[in-house]
Amino acid sequence: MEVPDQRLPAATFEDLALPLFDQLYNFAHWLTQDRVEAEDLVQETYVKALRGFASFQAGTNFRAWMFRILRNSFLTTKAGLKATVAYDEEKHEADASASVPTPEGILLEQGDREILQQALEELALPFREILLLCEVEEMSYQEIAETLGIPSGTVMSRLSRARKALRGLLQQKLRGERHGM
């Protein structure tokens, strides 16, 4: 008597990829700052991922793999190249102070989401993408490291600098708002 194979069937590309659509679009929109470009970027991501699906290693992080394809696709576009060339990590380091309120505290105090969105849009691309992956997409440091192709230690330090830069922009915008600017 033969025992039927009780292994679960391998997940299809659609099973894995379709639930990520909204997250990928959201990330693409933040990167491109344009709805049409974001749609094109997500479409290109799905095409590349489908073509390369045979090379995806089962048991590894599919979500990080898809986000990495999207990010790499963005970085090869004109907008992506322009955003990365303009970024100078040393120049964007912000001074830290223990008495400085957190961006979350500032937002709760002011209740103004528009200021946050404007500040996020002004951040350098590496800062914006790391904040979005961590805070919006709720990726772990390891997932972010896999997505961006950087060490986990770099994720932590860049995230810290991104939060400081965001804090500085929020404070600057809030001061300007109080002084009628």
Protein backbone atom coordinates (compact mmCIF):
# COMPACT_ATOMS: atom_id res chain seq x y z
CA MET A 1 0.00 0.00 0.00
CA GLU A 2 1.42 3.34 -1.10
CA VAL A 3 1.36 6.29 1.30
CA PRO A 4 0.23 9.52 -0.39
CA ASP A 5 2.72 12.37 -0.41
CA GLN A 6 1.61 14.63 2.44
CA ARG A 7 3.97 17.53 1.77
CA LEU A 8 2.30 20.83 1.14
CA PRO A 9 2.50 22.05 -2.43
CA ALA A 10 5.04 24.80 -3.07
CA ALA A 11 3.57 28.26 -2.93
CA THR A 12 2.96 29.85 -6.30
CA PHE A 13 4.27 33.27 -7.24
CA GLU A 14 0.74 34.65 -7.02
CA ASP A 15 0.24 33.23 -3.51
CA LEU A 16 3.35 35.00 -2.29
CA ALA A 17 3.35 38.19 -4.37
CA LEU A 18 -0.24 39.38 -4.54
CA PRO A 19 -0.63 40.06 -0.79
CA LEU A 20 2.37 42.42 -1.03
CA PHE A 21 0.90 44.65 -3.72
CA ASP A 22 -0.35 47.48 -1.48
CA GLN A 23 2.85 47.54 0.58
CA LEU A 24 5.02 47.63 -2.54
CA TYR A 25 2.91 50.38 -4.10
CA ASN A 26 3.07 52.44 -0.91
CA PHE A 27 6.86 52.14 -0.78
CA ALA A 28 7.17 52.89 -4.50
CA HIS A 29 4.98 55.98 -4.14
CA TRP A 30 7.14 57.30 -1.31
CA LEU A 31 10.28 56.69 -3.33
CA THR A 32 9.07 58.22 -6.59
CA GLN A 33 6.76 60.90 -5.17
CA ASP A 34 4.54 60.29 -8.21
CA ARG A 35 1.50 58.01 -8.58
CA VAL A 36 2.11 57.04 -12.20
CA GLU A 37 5.82 56.37 -11.66
CA ALA A 38 4.95 54.29 -8.59
CA GLU A 39 2.50 52.20 -10.60
CA ASP A 40 5.11 51.65 -13.32
CA LEU A 41 7.72 50.74 -10.72
CA VAL A 42 5.46 48.17 -9.06
CA GLN A 43 4.57 46.69 -12.44
CA GLU A 44 8.27 46.44 -13.35
CA THR A 45 8.95 44.83 -9.97
CA TYR A 46 6.33 42.15 -10.52
CA VAL A 47 7.60 41.43 -14.04
CA LYS A 48 11.20 41.07 -12.83
CA ALA A 49 10.15 38.98 -9.83
CA LEU A 50 8.03 36.66 -11.96
CA ARG A 51 10.90 36.18 -14.42
CA GLY A 52 13.31 35.46 -11.59
CA PHE A 53 10.95 33.44 -9.41
CA ALA A 54 12.71 30.19 -10.29
CA SER A 55 15.86 31.60 -8.66
CA PHE A 56 14.04 32.51 -5.42
CA GLN A 57 15.16 30.18 -2.66
CA ALA A 58 12.24 28.70 -0.74
CA GLY A 59 12.53 29.34 2.97
CA THR A 60 14.13 32.76 2.52
CA ASN A 61 12.33 36.06 3.02
CA PHE A 62 10.10 36.59 -0.04
CA ARG A 63 8.90 39.99 1.19
CA ALA A 64 12.46 41.31 1.51
CA TRP A 65 13.26 39.82 -1.91
CA MET A 66 10.35 41.71 -3.52
CA PHE A 67 11.19 44.99 -1.79
CA ARG A 68 14.80 44.63 -2.89
CA ILE A 69 13.73 44.14 -6.51
CA LEU A 70 11.53 47.23 -6.25
CA ARG A 71 14.30 49.30 -4.68
CA ASN A 72 16.92 48.16 -7.20
CA SER A 73 14.52 48.91 -10.04
CA PHE A 74 13.94 52.39 -8.62
CA LEU A 75 17.66 53.03 -8.24
CA THR A 76 18.20 52.35 -11.94
CA THR A 77 15.62 54.98 -12.95
CA LYS A 78 16.51 58.63 -13.59
CA ALA A 79 14.70 59.73 -10.43
CA GLY A 80 16.44 57.08 -8.34
CA LEU A 81 19.88 57.92 -9.68
CA LYS A 82 19.28 61.62 -9.05
CA ALA A 83 18.12 60.96 -5.47
CA THR A 84 21.13 58.81 -4.59
CA VAL A 85 23.74 61.04 -6.21
CA ALA A 86 22.48 64.01 -4.17
CA TYR A 87 22.85 62.08 -0.91
CA ASP A 88 25.91 62.67 1.26
CA GLU A 89 25.69 60.62 4.47
CA GLU A 90 28.23 62.74 6.41
CA LYS A 91 26.44 65.96 5.49
CA HIS A 92 23.08 64.60 6.68
CA GLU A 93 24.13 63.61 10.19
CA ALA A 94 22.16 65.51 12.82
CA ASP A 95 23.26 66.48 16.33
CA ALA A 96 21.67 64.43 19.10
CA SER A 97 20.38 65.78 22.36
CA ALA A 98 18.72 63.81 25.17
CA SER A 99 16.26 66.63 25.86
CA VAL A 100 14.99 66.78 22.27
CA PRO A 101 11.48 65.40 21.91
CA THR A 102 10.90 62.44 19.60
CA PRO A 103 9.19 62.91 16.22
CA GLU A 104 6.24 60.96 17.61
CA GLY A 105 5.96 63.32 20.58
CA ILE A 106 6.06 66.36 18.33
CA LEU A 107 3.32 64.90 16.14
CA LEU A 108 1.09 64.05 19.08
CA GLU A 109 1.60 67.53 20.47
CA GLN A 110 0.82 69.29 17.19
CA GLY A 111 -1.51 66.74 15.58
CA ASP A 112 -0.45 67.76 12.10
CA ARG A 113 0.13 64.88 9.67
CA GLU A 114 0.77 67.22 6.76
CA ILE A 115 3.91 68.52 8.42
CA LEU A 116 5.15 64.95 8.86
CA GLN A 117 4.49 64.13 5.21
CA GLN A 118 6.32 67.27 4.07
CA ALA A 119 9.26 66.48 6.34
CA LEU A 120 9.43 62.87 5.09
CA GLU A 121 9.42 64.10 1.50
CA GLU A 122 12.35 66.41 2.27
CA LEU A 123 14.49 63.66 3.79
CA ALA A 124 17.29 62.22 1.69
CA LEU A 125 16.20 59.02 -0.03
CA PRO A 126 18.27 56.62 2.15
CA PHE A 127 16.74 58.15 5.28
CA ARG A 128 13.20 58.17 3.88
CA GLU A 129 13.34 54.56 2.69
CA ILE A 130 14.75 53.21 5.95
CA LEU A 131 12.11 55.02 8.03
CA LEU A 132 9.33 53.76 5.78
CA LEU A 133 10.55 50.17 5.84
CA CYS A 134 10.89 50.23 9.63
CA GLU A 135 7.95 52.35 10.75
CA VAL A 136 5.36 51.90 7.99
CA GLU A 137 6.15 48.44 6.66
CA GLU A 138 7.22 47.25 10.14
CA MET A 139 10.16 45.28 8.80
CA SER A 140 12.74 43.90 11.22
CA TYR A 141 16.31 45.20 11.04
CA GLN A 142 17.28 41.94 9.35
CA GLU A 143 14.53 42.30 6.72
CA ILE A 144 15.60 45.88 6.06
CA ALA A 145 19.23 44.78 5.76
CA GLU A 146 18.22 42.12 3.22
CA THR A 147 16.02 44.57 1.31
CA LEU A 148 18.64 47.31 1.11
CA GLY A 149 21.66 45.01 0.83
CA ILE A 150 23.44 46.56 3.80
CA PRO A 151 24.65 45.17 7.15
CA SER A 152 22.26 45.20 10.14
CA GLY A 153 24.59 47.60 11.96
CA THR A 154 24.26 50.07 9.10
CA VAL A 155 20.49 49.73 9.29
CA MET A 156 20.55 50.68 12.97
CA SER A 157 22.90 53.64 12.55
CA ARG A 158 21.14 54.94 9.44
CA LEU A 159 17.76 54.58 11.16
CA SER A 160 19.07 56.56 14.12
CA ARG A 161 20.38 59.32 11.84
CA ALA A 162 17.13 59.30 9.85
CA ARG A 163 15.08 59.78 13.02
CA LYS A 164 17.35 62.64 14.11
CA ALA A 165 17.08 64.28 10.70
CA LEU A 166 13.29 63.88 10.74
CA ARG A 167 13.15 65.31 14.26
CA GLY A 168 15.17 68.33 13.10
CA LEU A 169 12.94 68.92 10.08
CA LEU A 170 9.79 68.62 12.18
CA GLN A 171 11.10 71.08 14.75
CA GLN A 172 12.13 73.49 12.02
CA LYS A 173 8.71 73.27 10.37
CA LEU A 174 6.87 73.66 13.66
CA ARG A 175 8.95 76.72 14.60
CA GLY A 176 8.27 78.22 11.18
CA GLU A 177 4.55 77.58 11.57
CA ARG A 178 4.48 79.32 14.97
CA HIS A 179 6.31 82.33 13.56
CA GLY A 180 3.94 82.67 10.61
CA MET A 181 6.31 81.34 7.96
